[in-house]
Amino acid sequence: MRVWALWHGGSSYSAPTMADLEEFSSISAAREAFTHRFNGGRWASEFRYVNREWEGAATPGVGEDSTMTLWLYDPTNVEDPYPWRIIQHGARGGVRVDYA
């Protein structure tokens, strides 16, 4: 199941725009990318952008307030897209996938 996502690295990062939209093959792949960007700040993370070239970039300073918003469809094709799920850090250090 493909998902589209906007990642926000937390308070030390600017808010994402639809130009930052990424596509993943599954919720698990999105969750893995979310976890890697938090834990692997000095190593390059892959950004699978939809409307521009994919790139690898380091993600230092990602906070526990980081989030990833998910859709089951490409939200750029809808006038007022409503997110489906949100990936975020849990209270005990894990990663949660919640309904939006």
Protein backbone atom coordinates (compact mmCIF):
# COMPACT_ATOMS: atom_id res chain seq x y z
CA MET A 1 0.00 0.00 0.00
CA ARG A 2 1.68 3.21 -1.14
CA VAL A 3 1.56 6.25 1.13
CA TRP A 4 2.46 9.90 0.64
CA ALA A 5 4.13 11.78 3.48
CA LEU A 6 5.34 15.13 4.74
CA TRP A 7 8.13 14.91 7.30
CA HIS A 8 8.82 17.64 9.84
CA GLY A 9 12.03 17.34 11.87
CA GLY A 10 10.74 19.26 14.86
CA SER A 11 11.31 22.72 16.28
CA SER A 12 14.76 23.13 14.68
CA TYR A 13 13.32 22.57 11.17
CA SER A 14 11.04 24.75 9.05
CA ALA A 15 7.53 23.52 8.31
CA PRO A 16 7.29 21.35 5.19
CA THR A 17 5.37 22.35 2.06
CA MET A 18 3.83 20.14 -0.61
CA ALA A 19 7.12 20.55 -2.52
CA ASP A 20 8.61 18.32 0.21
CA LEU A 21 6.07 15.54 -0.36
CA GLU A 22 7.55 12.03 -0.39
CA GLU A 23 6.19 8.67 -1.49
CA PHE A 24 6.79 5.36 0.31
CA SER A 25 5.89 1.78 -0.60
CA SER A 26 4.19 1.19 2.77
CA ILE A 27 3.52 2.58 6.24
CA SER A 28 6.41 0.43 7.47
CA ALA A 29 8.80 2.07 4.99
CA ALA A 30 7.64 5.53 6.08
CA ARG A 31 8.06 4.57 9.74
CA GLU A 32 11.55 3.23 9.05
CA ALA A 33 12.53 6.50 7.32
CA PHE A 34 11.08 8.47 10.25
CA THR A 35 13.12 6.45 12.76
CA HIS A 36 16.32 6.66 10.69
CA ARG A 37 16.09 10.45 10.39
CA PHE A 38 15.85 10.72 14.18
CA ASN A 39 18.50 8.14 15.08
CA GLY A 40 20.91 8.59 12.17
CA GLY A 41 21.34 12.36 12.16
CA ARG A 42 24.95 12.31 11.02
CA TRP A 43 24.36 9.74 8.26
CA ALA A 44 22.52 10.47 5.05
CA SER A 45 18.81 9.70 4.98
CA GLU A 46 17.06 9.12 1.68
CA PHE A 47 14.32 11.58 0.79
CA ARG A 48 11.96 10.12 -1.83
CA TYR A 49 10.47 13.34 -3.17
CA VAL A 50 7.49 13.10 -5.52
CA ASN A 51 7.95 16.30 -7.52
CA ARG A 52 11.74 16.61 -7.59
CA GLU A 53 14.87 14.48 -7.58
CA TRP A 54 15.40 12.11 -4.66
CA GLU A 55 18.30 13.09 -2.45
CA GLY A 56 20.32 11.95 0.51
CA ALA A 57 20.85 14.40 3.33
CA ALA A 58 21.98 14.33 6.94
CA THR A 59 19.29 15.22 9.48
CA PRO A 60 21.05 16.60 12.57
CA GLY A 61 19.04 18.07 15.43
CA VAL A 62 15.82 16.16 14.79
CA GLY A 63 13.68 16.57 17.89
CA GLU A 64 11.29 14.30 19.69
CA ASP A 65 8.58 16.67 18.48
CA SER A 66 9.19 15.56 14.88
CA THR A 67 6.24 14.15 12.92
CA MET A 68 5.39 12.55 9.60
CA THR A 69 1.90 13.10 8.18
CA LEU A 70 0.58 10.34 5.88
CA TRP A 71 -2.02 10.16 3.12
CA LEU A 72 -3.31 7.16 1.13
CA TYR A 73 -3.38 9.32 -2.02
CA ASP A 74 -1.31 12.10 -3.53
CA PRO A 75 -2.57 15.15 -1.60
CA THR A 76 -1.41 17.55 -4.31
CA ASN A 77 -4.31 16.30 -6.47
CA VAL A 78 -6.96 17.33 -3.90
CA GLU A 79 -8.11 20.84 -3.03
CA ASP A 80 -8.26 20.32 0.75
CA PRO A 81 -6.35 17.13 1.63
CA TYR A 82 -7.02 15.57 5.03
CA PRO A 83 -4.25 13.38 6.49
CA TRP A 84 -4.85 9.72 7.23
CA ARG A 85 -2.21 8.94 9.87
CA ILE A 86 0.53 10.71 11.82
CA ILE A 87 3.82 9.11 12.83
CA GLN A 88 5.28 10.59 16.00
CA HIS A 89 7.39 9.75 19.02
CA GLY A 90 5.62 8.10 21.93
CA ALA A 91 5.85 8.99 25.61
CA ARG A 92 8.24 6.11 26.39
CA GLY A 93 10.68 6.60 23.52
CA GLY A 94 8.97 4.47 20.87
CA VAL A 95 7.36 5.49 17.60
CA ARG A 96 3.56 5.70 17.28
CA VAL A 97 1.35 5.61 14.21
CA ASP A 98 -1.95 7.31 15.07
CA TYR A 99 -5.06 8.29 13.17
CA ALA A 100 -4.95 11.96 12.20
